[in-house]
Amino acid sequence: RPRHYKCRRKVRSAARPHQVVLVCGLALLIGVGCGNAPDIEKFSLPG
């Protein structure tokens, strides 16, 4: 069964603007945006 890699977001109360910017910036650095990230699927076959 393929494994999907998605951007998971957890809702936090009273998030400050600078915290949102920092989180999004870190996400972009690792190749995942704050929006819908592309799904990379892993397919495994018997060796």
PDB file of all heavy atoms in Angstrom:
ATOM      1  N   ARG A   1       0.827  -1.195   0.000  1.00  0.00           N
ATOM      2  CA  ARG A   1       0.000   0.000   0.000  1.00  0.00           C
ATOM      3  C   ARG A   1       0.867   1.253   0.000  1.00  0.00           C
ATOM      4  O   ARG A   1       1.780   1.378   0.812  1.00  0.00           O
ATOM      5  CB  ARG A   1      -0.895  -0.003   1.235  1.00  0.00           C
ATOM      6  CG  ARG A   1      -1.881   1.160   1.256  1.00  0.00           C
ATOM      7  CD  ARG A   1      -2.776   1.061   2.472  1.00  0.00           C
ATOM      8  NE  ARG A   1      -3.712   2.155   2.514  1.00  0.00           N
ATOM      9  CZ  ARG A   1      -4.589   2.337   3.487  1.00  0.00           C
ATOM     10  NH1 ARG A   1      -4.639   1.453   4.477  1.00  0.00           N
ATOM     11  NH2 ARG A   1      -5.407   3.359   3.469  1.00  0.00           N
ATOM     12  N   PRO A   2       0.638   2.206  -0.943  1.00  0.00           N
ATOM     13  CA  PRO A   2       1.462   3.415  -1.001  1.00  0.00           C
ATOM     14  C   PRO A   2       1.354   4.222   0.285  1.00  0.00           C
ATOM     15  O   PRO A   2       0.313   4.253   0.944  1.00  0.00           O
ATOM     16  CB  PRO A   2       0.859   4.191  -2.193  1.00  0.00           C
ATOM     17  CG  PRO A   2       0.098   3.173  -2.977  1.00  0.00           C
ATOM     18  CD  PRO A   2      -0.384   2.162  -1.972  1.00  0.00           C
ATOM     19  N   ARG A   3       2.436   4.886   0.617  1.00  0.00           N
ATOM     20  CA  ARG A   3       2.462   5.767   1.772  1.00  0.00           C
ATOM     21  C   ARG A   3       2.482   7.199   1.290  1.00  0.00           C
ATOM     22  O   ARG A   3       3.311   7.559   0.444  1.00  0.00           O
ATOM     23  CB  ARG A   3       3.691   5.490   2.625  1.00  0.00           C
ATOM     24  CG  ARG A   3       3.693   6.304   3.930  1.00  0.00           C
ATOM     25  CD  ARG A   3       4.874   5.912   4.792  1.00  0.00           C
ATOM     26  NE  ARG A   3       6.109   6.424   4.261  1.00  0.00           N
ATOM     27  CZ  ARG A   3       7.282   5.848   4.473  1.00  0.00           C
ATOM     28  NH1 ARG A   3       7.369   4.729   5.135  1.00  0.00           N
ATOM     29  NH2 ARG A   3       8.377   6.389   3.981  1.00  0.00           N
ATOM     30  N   HIS A   4       1.598   8.021   1.742  1.00  0.00           N
ATOM     31  CA  HIS A   4       1.493   9.402   1.285  1.00  0.00           C
ATOM     32  C   HIS A   4       2.217  10.327   2.250  1.00  0.00           C
ATOM     33  O   HIS A   4       2.146  10.165   3.468  1.00  0.00           O
ATOM     34  CB  HIS A   4       0.030   9.827   1.182  1.00  0.00           C
ATOM     35  CG  HIS A   4      -0.723   9.049   0.151  1.00  0.00           C
ATOM     36  ND1 HIS A   4      -0.902   9.509  -1.131  1.00  0.00           N
ATOM     37  CD2 HIS A   4      -1.294   7.827   0.194  1.00  0.00           C
ATOM     38  CE1 HIS A   4      -1.596   8.621  -1.818  1.00  0.00           C
ATOM     39  NE2 HIS A   4      -1.839   7.591  -1.042  1.00  0.00           N
ATOM     40  N   TYR A   5       2.877  11.300   1.681  1.00  0.00           N
ATOM     41  CA  TYR A   5       3.570  12.302   2.476  1.00  0.00           C
ATOM     42  C   TYR A   5       2.813  13.622   2.319  1.00  0.00           C
ATOM     43  O   TYR A   5       2.743  14.160   1.223  1.00  0.00           O
ATOM     44  CB  TYR A   5       5.012  12.479   2.000  1.00  0.00           C
ATOM     45  CG  TYR A   5       5.820  11.244   2.171  1.00  0.00           C
ATOM     46  CD1 TYR A   5       5.790  10.228   1.213  1.00  0.00           C
ATOM     47  CD2 TYR A   5       6.610  11.047   3.294  1.00  0.00           C
ATOM     48  CE1 TYR A   5       6.528   9.072   1.372  1.00  0.00           C
ATOM     49  CE2 TYR A   5       7.364   9.896   3.458  1.00  0.00           C
ATOM     50  CZ  TYR A   5       7.314   8.930   2.496  1.00  0.00           C
ATOM     51  OH  TYR A   5       8.060   7.783   2.646  1.00  0.00           O
ATOM     52  N   LYS A   6       2.228  14.119   3.401  1.00  0.00           N
ATOM     53  CA  LYS A   6       1.441  15.329   3.307  1.00  0.00           C
ATOM     54  C   LYS A   6       1.880  16.319   4.382  1.00  0.00           C
ATOM     55  O   LYS A   6       2.496  15.959   5.377  1.00  0.00           O
ATOM     56  CB  LYS A   6      -0.049  15.025   3.490  1.00  0.00           C
ATOM     57  CG  LYS A   6      -0.638  14.152   2.372  1.00  0.00           C
ATOM     58  CD  LYS A   6      -2.137  13.958   2.557  1.00  0.00           C
ATOM     59  CE  LYS A   6      -2.713  13.123   1.425  1.00  0.00           C
ATOM     60  NZ  LYS A   6      -4.180  12.922   1.598  1.00  0.00           N
ATOM     61  N   CYS A   7       1.526  17.561   4.111  1.00  0.00           N
ATOM     62  CA  CYS A   7       1.798  18.613   5.092  1.00  0.00           C
ATOM     63  C   CYS A   7       0.731  18.552   6.172  1.00  0.00           C
ATOM     64  O   CYS A   7      -0.442  18.813   5.922  1.00  0.00           O
ATOM     65  CB  CYS A   7       1.784  19.980   4.410  1.00  0.00           C
ATOM     66  SG  CYS A   7       2.141  21.346   5.515  1.00  0.00           S
ATOM     67  N   ARG A   8       1.116  18.184   7.387  1.00  0.00           N
ATOM     68  CA  ARG A   8       0.167  18.104   8.488  1.00  0.00           C
ATOM     69  C   ARG A   8       0.198  19.398   9.284  1.00  0.00           C
ATOM     70  O   ARG A   8       1.258  19.886   9.642  1.00  0.00           O
ATOM     71  CB  ARG A   8       0.504  16.920   9.389  1.00  0.00           C
ATOM     72  CG  ARG A   8       0.400  15.577   8.675  1.00  0.00           C
ATOM     73  CD  ARG A   8       0.698  14.459   9.637  1.00  0.00           C
ATOM     74  NE  ARG A   8       0.565  13.171   8.975  1.00  0.00           N
ATOM     75  CZ  ARG A   8       0.810  12.017   9.594  1.00  0.00           C
ATOM     76  NH1 ARG A   8       1.183  12.004  10.858  1.00  0.00           N
ATOM     77  NH2 ARG A   8       0.667  10.873   8.939  1.00  0.00           N
ATOM     78  N   ARG A   9      -0.986  19.887   9.579  1.00  0.00           N
ATOM     79  CA  ARG A   9      -1.064  21.135  10.333  1.00  0.00           C
ATOM     80  C   ARG A   9      -1.937  20.936  11.569  1.00  0.00           C
ATOM     81  O   ARG A   9      -2.988  20.309  11.514  1.00  0.00           O
ATOM     82  CB  ARG A   9      -1.640  22.254   9.467  1.00  0.00           C
ATOM     83  CG  ARG A   9      -0.741  22.633   8.288  1.00  0.00           C
ATOM     84  CD  ARG A   9      -1.254  23.852   7.584  1.00  0.00           C
ATOM     85  NE  ARG A   9      -2.520  23.595   6.919  1.00  0.00           N
ATOM     86  CZ  ARG A   9      -3.217  24.524   6.280  1.00  0.00           C
ATOM     87  NH1 ARG A   9      -2.791  25.756   6.244  1.00  0.00           N
ATOM     88  NH2 ARG A   9      -4.354  24.213   5.692  1.00  0.00           N
ATOM     89  N   LYS A  10      -1.479  21.470  12.642  1.00  0.00           N
ATOM     90  CA  LYS A  10      -2.238  21.378  13.891  1.00  0.00           C
ATOM     91  C   LYS A  10      -2.694  22.777  14.287  1.00  0.00           C
ATOM     92  O   LYS A  10      -1.890  23.707  14.317  1.00  0.00           O
ATOM     93  CB  LYS A  10      -1.376  20.772  14.999  1.00  0.00           C
ATOM     94  CG  LYS A  10      -2.136  20.541  16.305  1.00  0.00           C
ATOM     95  CD  LYS A  10      -1.229  19.844  17.294  1.00  0.00           C
ATOM     96  CE  LYS A  10      -1.974  19.577  18.594  1.00  0.00           C
ATOM     97  NZ  LYS A  10      -1.104  18.892  19.580  1.00  0.00           N
ATOM     98  N   VAL A  11      -3.993  22.939  14.564  1.00  0.00           N
ATOM     99  CA  VAL A  11      -4.531  24.256  14.876  1.00  0.00           C
ATOM    100  C   VAL A  11      -4.144  24.638  16.297  1.00  0.00           C
ATOM    101  O   VAL A  11      -4.347  23.871  17.241  1.00  0.00           O
ATOM    102  CB  VAL A  11      -6.079  24.257  14.730  1.00  0.00           C
ATOM    103  CG1 VAL A  11      -6.641  25.616  15.128  1.00  0.00           C
ATOM    104  CG2 VAL A  11      -6.457  23.903  13.305  1.00  0.00           C
ATOM    105  N   ARG A  12      -3.594  25.803  16.445  1.00  0.00           N
ATOM    106  CA  ARG A  12      -3.254  26.322  17.776  1.00  0.00           C
ATOM    107  C   ARG A  12      -3.994  27.637  17.992  1.00  0.00           C
ATOM    108  O   ARG A  12      -4.170  28.423  17.062  1.00  0.00           O
ATOM    109  CB  ARG A  12      -1.742  26.548  17.908  1.00  0.00           C
ATOM    110  CG  ARG A  12      -0.929  25.257  17.784  1.00  0.00           C
ATOM    111  CD  ARG A  12       0.558  25.540  17.934  1.00  0.00           C
ATOM    112  NE  ARG A  12       1.342  24.331  17.774  1.00  0.00           N
ATOM    113  CZ  ARG A  12       1.628  23.486  18.763  1.00  0.00           C
ATOM    114  NH1 ARG A  12       1.174  23.719  19.977  1.00  0.00           N
ATOM    115  NH2 ARG A  12       2.342  22.402  18.533  1.00  0.00           N
ATOM    116  N   SER A  13      -4.345  27.892  19.192  1.00  0.00           N
ATOM    117  CA  SER A  13      -5.084  29.111  19.493  1.00  0.00           C
ATOM    118  C   SER A  13      -4.146  30.292  19.599  1.00  0.00           C
ATOM    119  O   SER A  13      -3.004  30.174  20.020  1.00  0.00           O
ATOM    120  CB  SER A  13      -5.852  28.931  20.810  1.00  0.00           C
ATOM    121  OG  SER A  13      -4.960  28.687  21.874  1.00  0.00           O
ATOM    122  N   ALA A  14      -4.673  31.444  19.178  1.00  0.00           N
ATOM    123  CA  ALA A  14      -3.981  32.727  19.334  1.00  0.00           C
ATOM    124  C   ALA A  14      -2.562  32.695  18.785  1.00  0.00           C
ATOM    125  O   ALA A  14      -1.623  33.136  19.433  1.00  0.00           O
ATOM    126  CB  ALA A  14      -3.965  33.126  20.815  1.00  0.00           C
ATOM    127  N   ALA A  15      -2.395  32.168  17.564  1.00  0.00           N
ATOM    128  CA  ALA A  15      -1.073  32.159  16.930  1.00  0.00           C
ATOM    129  C   ALA A  15      -0.671  33.577  16.576  1.00  0.00           C
ATOM    130  O   ALA A  15      -1.458  34.338  16.015  1.00  0.00           O
ATOM    131  CB  ALA A  15      -1.113  31.295  15.667  1.00  0.00           C
ATOM    132  N   ARG A  16       0.522  33.941  16.901  1.00  0.00           N
ATOM    133  CA  ARG A  16       1.007  35.282  16.612  1.00  0.00           C
ATOM    134  C   ARG A  16       1.511  35.358  15.185  1.00  0.00           C
ATOM    135  O   ARG A  16       2.056  34.386  14.652  1.00  0.00           O
ATOM    136  CB  ARG A  16       2.120  35.653  17.585  1.00  0.00           C
ATOM    137  CG  ARG A  16       1.637  35.684  19.033  1.00  0.00           C
ATOM    138  CD  ARG A  16       2.782  35.899  19.987  1.00  0.00           C
ATOM    139  NE  ARG A  16       2.314  35.877  21.365  1.00  0.00           N
ATOM    140  CZ  ARG A  16       3.122  35.928  22.416  1.00  0.00           C
ATOM    141  NH1 ARG A  16       4.436  35.997  22.239  1.00  0.00           N
ATOM    142  NH2 ARG A  16       2.612  35.905  23.635  1.00  0.00           N
ATOM    143  N   PRO A  17       1.400  36.514  14.524  1.00  0.00           N
ATOM    144  CA  PRO A  17       1.823  36.638  13.116  1.00  0.00           C
ATOM    145  C   PRO A  17       3.258  36.219  12.879  1.00  0.00           C
ATOM    146  O   PRO A  17       3.565  35.540  11.909  1.00  0.00           O
ATOM    147  CB  PRO A  17       1.604  38.124  12.825  1.00  0.00           C
ATOM    148  CG  PRO A  17       0.525  38.543  13.795  1.00  0.00           C
ATOM    149  CD  PRO A  17       0.768  37.735  15.027  1.00  0.00           C
ATOM    150  N   HIS A  18       4.176  36.620  13.765  1.00  0.00           N
ATOM    151  CA  HIS A  18       5.577  36.280  13.533  1.00  0.00           C
ATOM    152  C   HIS A  18       5.819  34.782  13.674  1.00  0.00           C
ATOM    153  O   HIS A  18       6.717  34.213  13.046  1.00  0.00           O
ATOM    154  CB  HIS A  18       6.495  37.062  14.492  1.00  0.00           C
ATOM    155  CG  HIS A  18       6.476  36.565  15.908  1.00  0.00           C
ATOM    156  ND1 HIS A  18       5.548  36.988  16.832  1.00  0.00           N
ATOM    157  CD2 HIS A  18       7.284  35.666  16.550  1.00  0.00           C
ATOM    158  CE1 HIS A  18       5.782  36.396  17.998  1.00  0.00           C
ATOM    159  NE2 HIS A  18       6.815  35.574  17.850  1.00  0.00           N
ATOM    160  N   GLN A  19       4.983  34.090  14.495  1.00  0.00           N
ATOM    161  CA  GLN A  19       5.119  32.650  14.630  1.00  0.00           C
ATOM    162  C   GLN A  19       4.679  31.944  13.349  1.00  0.00           C
ATOM    163  O   GLN A  19       5.297  30.976  12.914  1.00  0.00           O
ATOM    164  CB  GLN A  19       4.282  32.151  15.809  1.00  0.00           C
ATOM    165  CG  GLN A  19       4.808  32.594  17.161  1.00  0.00           C
ATOM    166  CD  GLN A  19       3.904  32.171  18.289  1.00  0.00           C
ATOM    167  OE1 GLN A  19       2.679  32.159  18.141  1.00  0.00           O
ATOM    168  NE2 GLN A  19       4.491  31.824  19.423  1.00  0.00           N
ATOM    169  N   VAL A  20       3.596  32.440  12.739  1.00  0.00           N
ATOM    170  CA  VAL A  20       3.116  31.862  11.474  1.00  0.00           C
ATOM    171  C   VAL A  20       4.168  32.011  10.390  1.00  0.00           C
ATOM    172  O   VAL A  20       4.456  31.081   9.643  1.00  0.00           O
ATOM    173  CB  VAL A  20       1.792  32.528  11.052  1.00  0.00           C
ATOM    174  CG1 VAL A  20       1.359  32.025   9.674  1.00  0.00           C
ATOM    175  CG2 VAL A  20       0.698  32.250  12.089  1.00  0.00           C
ATOM    176  N   VAL A  21       4.751  33.192  10.299  1.00  0.00           N
ATOM    177  CA  VAL A  21       5.790  33.433   9.296  1.00  0.00           C
ATOM    178  C   VAL A  21       6.971  32.505   9.508  1.00  0.00           C
ATOM    179  O   VAL A  21       7.516  31.920   8.560  1.00  0.00           O
ATOM    180  CB  VAL A  21       6.241  34.908   9.335  1.00  0.00           C
ATOM    181  CG1 VAL A  21       7.453  35.113   8.445  1.00  0.00           C
ATOM    182  CG2 VAL A  21       5.094  35.813   8.899  1.00  0.00           C
ATOM    183  N   LEU A  22       7.373  32.330  10.777  1.00  0.00           N
ATOM    184  CA  LEU A  22       8.521  31.470  11.075  1.00  0.00           C
ATOM    185  C   LEU A  22       8.237  30.032  10.696  1.00  0.00           C
ATOM    186  O   LEU A  22       9.065  29.356  10.077  1.00  0.00           O
ATOM    187  CB  LEU A  22       8.845  31.560  12.573  1.00  0.00           C
ATOM    188  CG  LEU A  22       9.994  30.661  13.060  1.00  0.00           C
ATOM    189  CD1 LEU A  22      11.282  31.016  12.337  1.00  0.00           C
ATOM    190  CD2 LEU A  22      10.168  30.814  14.571  1.00  0.00           C
ATOM    191  N   VAL A  23       7.041  29.531  11.032  1.00  0.00           N
ATOM    192  CA  VAL A  23       6.694  28.152  10.708  1.00  0.00           C
ATOM    193  C   VAL A  23       6.673  27.942   9.214  1.00  0.00           C
ATOM    194  O   VAL A  23       7.206  26.957   8.693  1.00  0.00           O
ATOM    195  CB  VAL A  23       5.333  27.780  11.331  1.00  0.00           C
ATOM    196  CG1 VAL A  23       4.846  26.434  10.801  1.00  0.00           C
ATOM    197  CG2 VAL A  23       5.437  27.729  12.852  1.00  0.00           C
ATOM    198  N   CYS A  24       6.057  28.865   8.481  1.00  0.00           N
ATOM    199  CA  CYS A  24       6.003  28.734   7.021  1.00  0.00           C
ATOM    200  C   CYS A  24       7.385  28.798   6.413  1.00  0.00           C
ATOM    201  O   CYS A  24       7.700  28.079   5.462  1.00  0.00           O
ATOM    202  CB  CYS A  24       5.117  29.829   6.424  1.00  0.00           C
ATOM    203  SG  CYS A  24       3.357  29.595   6.750  1.00  0.00           S
ATOM    204  N   GLY A  25       8.243  29.669   6.959  1.00  0.00           N
ATOM    205  CA  GLY A  25       9.603  29.771   6.441  1.00  0.00           C
ATOM    206  C   GLY A  25      10.377  28.484   6.616  1.00  0.00           C
ATOM    207  O   GLY A  25      11.070  28.024   5.715  1.00  0.00           O
ATOM    208  N   LEU A  26      10.224  27.872   7.813  1.00  0.00           N
ATOM    209  CA  LEU A  26      10.909  26.603   8.046  1.00  0.00           C
ATOM    210  C   LEU A  26      10.372  25.515   7.140  1.00  0.00           C
ATOM    211  O   LEU A  26      11.118  24.664   6.638  1.00  0.00           O
ATOM    212  CB  LEU A  26      10.736  26.194   9.518  1.00  0.00           C
ATOM    213  CG  LEU A  26      11.481  27.055  10.547  1.00  0.00           C
ATOM    214  CD1 LEU A  26      11.093  26.657  11.962  1.00  0.00           C
ATOM    215  CD2 LEU A  26      12.992  26.915  10.348  1.00  0.00           C
ATOM    216  N   ALA A  27       9.065  25.524   6.909  1.00  0.00           N
ATOM    217  CA  ALA A  27       8.477  24.519   6.021  1.00  0.00           C
ATOM    218  C   ALA A  27       9.011  24.656   4.617  1.00  0.00           C
ATOM    219  O   ALA A  27       9.307  23.667   3.941  1.00  0.00           O
ATOM    220  CB  ALA A  27       6.949  24.658   6.022  1.00  0.00           C
ATOM    221  N   LEU A  28       9.151  25.885   4.142  1.00  0.00           N
ATOM    222  CA  LEU A  28       9.691  26.088   2.790  1.00  0.00           C
ATOM    223  C   LEU A  28      11.118  25.617   2.693  1.00  0.00           C
ATOM    224  O   LEU A  28      11.551  25.087   1.661  1.00  0.00           O
ATOM    225  CB  LEU A  28       9.587  27.568   2.407  1.00  0.00           C
ATOM    226  CG  LEU A  28       8.172  28.076   2.118  1.00  0.00           C
ATOM    227  CD1 LEU A  28       8.177  29.597   1.961  1.00  0.00           C
ATOM    228  CD2 LEU A  28       7.596  27.416   0.872  1.00  0.00           C
ATOM    229  N   LEU A  29      11.892  25.796   3.756  1.00  0.00           N
ATOM    230  CA  LEU A  29      13.281  25.363   3.730  1.00  0.00           C
ATOM    231  C   LEU A  29      13.416  23.863   3.555  1.00  0.00           C
ATOM    232  O   LEU A  29      14.383  23.377   2.978  1.00  0.00           O
ATOM    233  CB  LEU A  29      13.993  25.802   5.018  1.00  0.00           C
ATOM    234  CG  LEU A  29      14.349  27.282   5.114  1.00  0.00           C
ATOM    235  CD1 LEU A  29      14.934  27.589   6.492  1.00  0.00           C
ATOM    236  CD2 LEU A  29      15.319  27.696   4.019  1.00  0.00           C
ATOM    237  N   ILE A  30      12.450  23.107   4.050  1.00  0.00           N
ATOM    238  CA  ILE A  30      12.535  21.662   3.900  1.00  0.00           C
ATOM    239  C   ILE A  30      11.698  21.180   2.719  1.00  0.00           C
ATOM    240  O   ILE A  30      11.479  19.988   2.549  1.00  0.00           O
ATOM    241  CB  ILE A  30      12.085  20.932   5.190  1.00  0.00           C
ATOM    242  CG1 ILE A  30      10.606  21.230   5.511  1.00  0.00           C
ATOM    243  CG2 ILE A  30      12.979  21.283   6.339  1.00  0.00           C
ATOM    244  CD1 ILE A  30      10.064  20.407   6.673  1.00  0.00           C
ATOM    245  N   GLY A  31      11.223  22.112   1.890  1.00  0.00           N
ATOM    246  CA  GLY A  31      10.564  21.719   0.653  1.00  0.00           C
ATOM    247  C   GLY A  31       9.081  21.486   0.782  1.00  0.00           C
ATOM    248  O   GLY A  31       8.451  20.937  -0.106  1.00  0.00           O
ATOM    249  N   VAL A  32       8.468  21.915   1.890  1.00  0.00           N
ATOM    250  CA  VAL A  32       7.033  21.722   2.076  1.00  0.00           C
ATOM    251  C   VAL A  32       6.414  23.065   2.412  1.00  0.00           C
ATOM    252  O   VAL A  32       6.794  23.696   3.392  1.00  0.00           O
ATOM    253  CB  VAL A  32       6.747  20.716   3.211  1.00  0.00           C
ATOM    254  CG1 VAL A  32       5.248  20.542   3.391  1.00  0.00           C
ATOM    255  CG2 VAL A  32       7.411  19.394   2.914  1.00  0.00           C
ATOM    256  N   GLY A  33       5.452  23.507   1.629  1.00  0.00           N
ATOM    257  CA  GLY A  33       4.811  24.780   1.871  1.00  0.00           C
ATOM    258  C   GLY A  33       3.712  24.659   2.901  1.00  0.00           C
ATOM    259  O   GLY A  33       3.325  23.580   3.322  1.00  0.00           O
ATOM    260  N   CYS A  34       3.150  25.823   3.300  1.00  0.00           N
ATOM    261  CA  CYS A  34       2.063  25.809   4.268  1.00  0.00           C
ATOM    262  C   CYS A  34       0.745  25.463   3.604  1.00  0.00           C
ATOM    263  O   CYS A  34      -0.236  25.199   4.273  1.00  0.00           O
ATOM    264  CB  CYS A  34       1.956  27.167   4.960  1.00  0.00           C
ATOM    265  SG  CYS A  34       3.289  27.437   6.141  1.00  0.00           S
ATOM    266  N   GLY A  35       0.687  25.493   2.266  1.00  0.00           N
ATOM    267  CA  GLY A  35      -0.508  25.087   1.545  1.00  0.00           C
ATOM    268  C   GLY A  35      -0.487  23.597   1.330  1.00  0.00           C
ATOM    269  O   GLY A  35       0.080  22.838   2.098  1.00  0.00           O
ATOM    270  N   ASN A  36      -1.161  23.146   0.280  1.00  0.00           N
ATOM    271  CA  ASN A  36      -1.204  21.726  -0.010  1.00  0.00           C
ATOM    272  C   ASN A  36       0.103  21.279  -0.637  1.00  0.00           C
ATOM    273  O   ASN A  36       0.444  21.685  -1.736  1.00  0.00           O
ATOM    274  CB  ASN A  36      -2.369  21.426  -0.962  1.00  0.00           C
ATOM    275  CG  ASN A  36      -3.714  21.673  -0.294  1.00  0.00           C
ATOM    276  OD1 ASN A  36      -3.850  21.440   0.904  1.00  0.00           O
ATOM    277  ND2 ASN A  36      -4.681  22.163  -1.045  1.00  0.00           N
ATOM    278  N   ALA A  37       0.857  20.453   0.051  1.00  0.00           N
ATOM    279  CA  ALA A  37       2.132  19.955  -0.466  1.00  0.00           C
ATOM    280  C   ALA A  37       1.870  18.836  -1.457  1.00  0.00           C
ATOM    281  O   ALA A  37       0.895  18.099  -1.330  1.00  0.00           O
ATOM    282  CB  ALA A  37       2.983  19.435   0.685  1.00  0.00           C
ATOM    283  N   PRO A  38       2.720  18.695  -2.475  1.00  0.00           N
ATOM    284  CA  PRO A  38       2.541  17.594  -3.419  1.00  0.00           C
ATOM    285  C   PRO A  38       2.739  16.254  -2.731  1.00  0.00           C
ATOM    286  O   PRO A  38       3.583  16.112  -1.853  1.00  0.00           O
ATOM    287  CB  PRO A  38       3.633  17.851  -4.462  1.00  0.00           C
ATOM    288  CG  PRO A  38       4.663  18.661  -3.750  1.00  0.00           C
ATOM    289  CD  PRO A  38       3.904  19.510  -2.772  1.00  0.00           C
ATOM    290  N   ASP A  39       1.941  15.285  -3.111  1.00  0.00           N
ATOM    291  CA  ASP A  39       2.034  13.955  -2.528  1.00  0.00           C
ATOM    292  C   ASP A  39       3.093  13.140  -3.244  1.00  0.00           C
ATOM    293  O   ASP A  39       2.988  12.886  -4.440  1.00  0.00           O
ATOM    294  CB  ASP A  39       0.683  13.228  -2.623  1.00  0.00           C
ATOM    295  CG  ASP A  39      -0.328  13.759  -1.627  1.00  0.00           C
ATOM    296  OD1 ASP A  39       0.100  14.378  -0.641  1.00  0.00           O
ATOM    297  OD2 ASP A  39      -1.532  13.558  -1.842  1.00  0.00           O
ATOM    298  N   ILE A  40       4.100  12.722  -2.516  1.00  0.00           N
ATOM    299  CA  ILE A  40       5.098  11.789  -3.032  1.00  0.00           C
ATOM    300  C   ILE A  40       4.734  10.422  -2.470  1.00  0.00           C
ATOM    301  O   ILE A  40       4.689  10.238  -1.251  1.00  0.00           O
ATOM    302  CB  ILE A  40       6.518  12.196  -2.610  1.00  0.00           C
ATOM    303  CG1 ILE A  40       6.870  13.563  -3.203  1.00  0.00           C
ATOM    304  CG2 ILE A  40       7.521  11.136  -3.058  1.00  0.00           C
ATOM    305  CD1 ILE A  40       8.206  14.107  -2.733  1.00  0.00           C
ATOM    306  N   GLU A  41       4.463   9.491  -3.334  1.00  0.00           N
ATOM    307  CA  GLU A  41       4.019   8.168  -2.926  1.00  0.00           C
ATOM    308  C   GLU A  41       5.173   7.178  -3.001  1.00  0.00           C
ATOM    309  O   GLU A  41       5.936   7.183  -3.961  1.00  0.00           O
ATOM    310  CB  GLU A  41       2.878   7.688  -3.802  1.00  0.00           C
ATOM    311  CG  GLU A  41       1.663   8.606  -3.776  1.00  0.00           C
ATOM    312  CD  GLU A  41       0.605   8.167  -4.763  1.00  0.00           C
ATOM    313  OE1 GLU A  41      -0.176   7.260  -4.443  1.00  0.00           O
ATOM    314  OE2 GLU A  41       0.587   8.725  -5.877  1.00  0.00           O
ATOM    315  N   LYS A  42       5.254   6.338  -2.012  1.00  0.00           N
ATOM    316  CA  LYS A  42       6.280   5.303  -1.982  1.00  0.00           C
ATOM    317  C   LYS A  42       5.679   3.972  -2.399  1.00  0.00           C
ATOM    318  O   LYS A  42       4.719   3.494  -1.796  1.00  0.00           O
ATOM    319  CB  LYS A  42       6.877   5.187  -0.574  1.00  0.00           C
ATOM    320  CG  LYS A  42       7.943   4.104  -0.454  1.00  0.00           C
ATOM    321  CD  LYS A  42       8.428   3.996   0.979  1.00  0.00           C
ATOM    322  CE  LYS A  42       9.444   2.873   1.147  1.00  0.00           C
ATOM    323  NZ  LYS A  42       9.862   2.722   2.558  1.00  0.00           N
ATOM    324  N   PHE A  43       6.250   3.388  -3.444  1.00  0.00           N
ATOM    325  CA  PHE A  43       5.838   2.077  -3.921  1.00  0.00           C
ATOM    326  C   PHE A  43       6.978   1.092  -3.668  1.00  0.00           C
ATOM    327  O   PHE A  43       8.117   1.344  -4.049  1.00  0.00           O
ATOM    328  CB  PHE A  43       5.508   2.112  -5.420  1.00  0.00           C
ATOM    329  CG  PHE A  43       4.248   2.847  -5.741  1.00  0.00           C
ATOM    330  CD1 PHE A  43       4.233   4.226  -5.837  1.00  0.00           C
ATOM    331  CD2 PHE A  43       3.057   2.163  -5.929  1.00  0.00           C
ATOM    332  CE1 PHE A  43       3.070   4.906  -6.128  1.00  0.00           C
ATOM    333  CE2 PHE A  43       1.888   2.836  -6.217  1.00  0.00           C
ATOM    334  CZ  PHE A  43       1.887   4.211  -6.313  1.00  0.00           C
ATOM    335  N   SER A  44       6.648  -0.010  -3.035  1.00  0.00           N
ATOM    336  CA  SER A  44       7.647  -1.025  -2.730  1.00  0.00           C
ATOM    337  C   SER A  44       7.311  -2.320  -3.458  1.00  0.00           C
ATOM    338  O   SER A  44       6.166  -2.784  -3.416  1.00  0.00           O
ATOM    339  CB  SER A  44       7.703  -1.298  -1.221  1.00  0.00           C
ATOM    340  OG  SER A  44       8.130  -0.148  -0.519  1.00  0.00           O
ATOM    341  N   LEU A  45       8.309  -2.897  -4.097  1.00  0.00           N
ATOM    342  CA  LEU A  45       8.170  -4.174  -4.780  1.00  0.00           C
ATOM    343  C   LEU A  45       9.064  -5.209  -4.110  1.00  0.00           C
ATOM    344  O   LEU A  45      10.103  -4.850  -3.543  1.00  0.00           O
ATOM    345  CB  LEU A  45       8.555  -4.040  -6.258  1.00  0.00           C
ATOM    346  CG  LEU A  45       7.635  -3.184  -7.126  1.00  0.00           C
ATOM    347  CD1 LEU A  45       8.244  -2.991  -8.512  1.00  0.00           C
ATOM    348  CD2 LEU A  45       6.265  -3.815  -7.237  1.00  0.00           C
ATOM    349  N   PRO A  46       8.691  -6.478  -4.166  1.00  0.00           N
ATOM    350  CA  PRO A  46       9.565  -7.517  -3.614  1.00  0.00           C
ATOM    351  C   PRO A  46      10.908  -7.533  -4.335  1.00  0.00           C
ATOM    352  O   PRO A  46      10.973  -7.401  -5.557  1.00  0.00           O
ATOM    353  CB  PRO A  46       8.783  -8.810  -3.875  1.00  0.00           C
ATOM    354  CG  PRO A  46       7.369  -8.379  -4.041  1.00  0.00           C
ATOM    355  CD  PRO A  46       7.423  -7.030  -4.692  1.00  0.00           C
ATOM    356  N   GLY A  47      11.974  -7.669  -3.577  1.00  0.00           N
ATOM    357  CA  GLY A  47      13.311  -7.737  -4.153  1.00  0.00           C
ATOM    358  C   GLY A  47      13.631  -9.125  -4.667  1.00  0.00           C
ATOM    359  O   GLY A  47      12.754  -9.976  -4.845  1.00  0.00           O
TER     360      GLY A  47
END
